[in-house]
């Protein structure tokens, strides 16, 4: 079996943990949508939606419950309902802004499953287009994201406002 190495991934994993600063998602949850440097798109009663700082594609969002837990089964019924509602809202906004041809939606539970932040559960929604898969991160240690995250934030906030 051939092995493909992706050294950029270790830089990502090392960069997301705040030393002695607590949980990165709990810290982000305290920020506001209006902060021009924050990547928060939406805040609900039980969850917030944030752009992934290390996206796989433009518009890569995460739905994060405020409750600090790594266990899916620890989420309450209202939290589960809101997560699904926010995933649906994210889909609509991403379709409105980027017209993707498909989506990857899911959660990585535990380090072994690929969770970069395993102590606080979160749900990814990644827009996909035909031909968007490439090996630049693996072969050239280069991530190709064609739009600045803050521009993406502005476009998605505008889409959320039209949908809510």
Foldseek 3Di string as FASTA:
>chain_A
DDDFDQVLVVVVLVPLDDVVPDHSVLVLLPDDLPPLVRQWQADDPFWTKGADPDDLEQLKIKIFGNDFALDPVVDDPVNVVVLVVVVVLSVQLCCVQPVAPDWDKAWQADVVSPDSRRRTTMMIIHGHHPPSDDCCSRPPVDRDYPDDSSVSSVSSNVSSVVVD
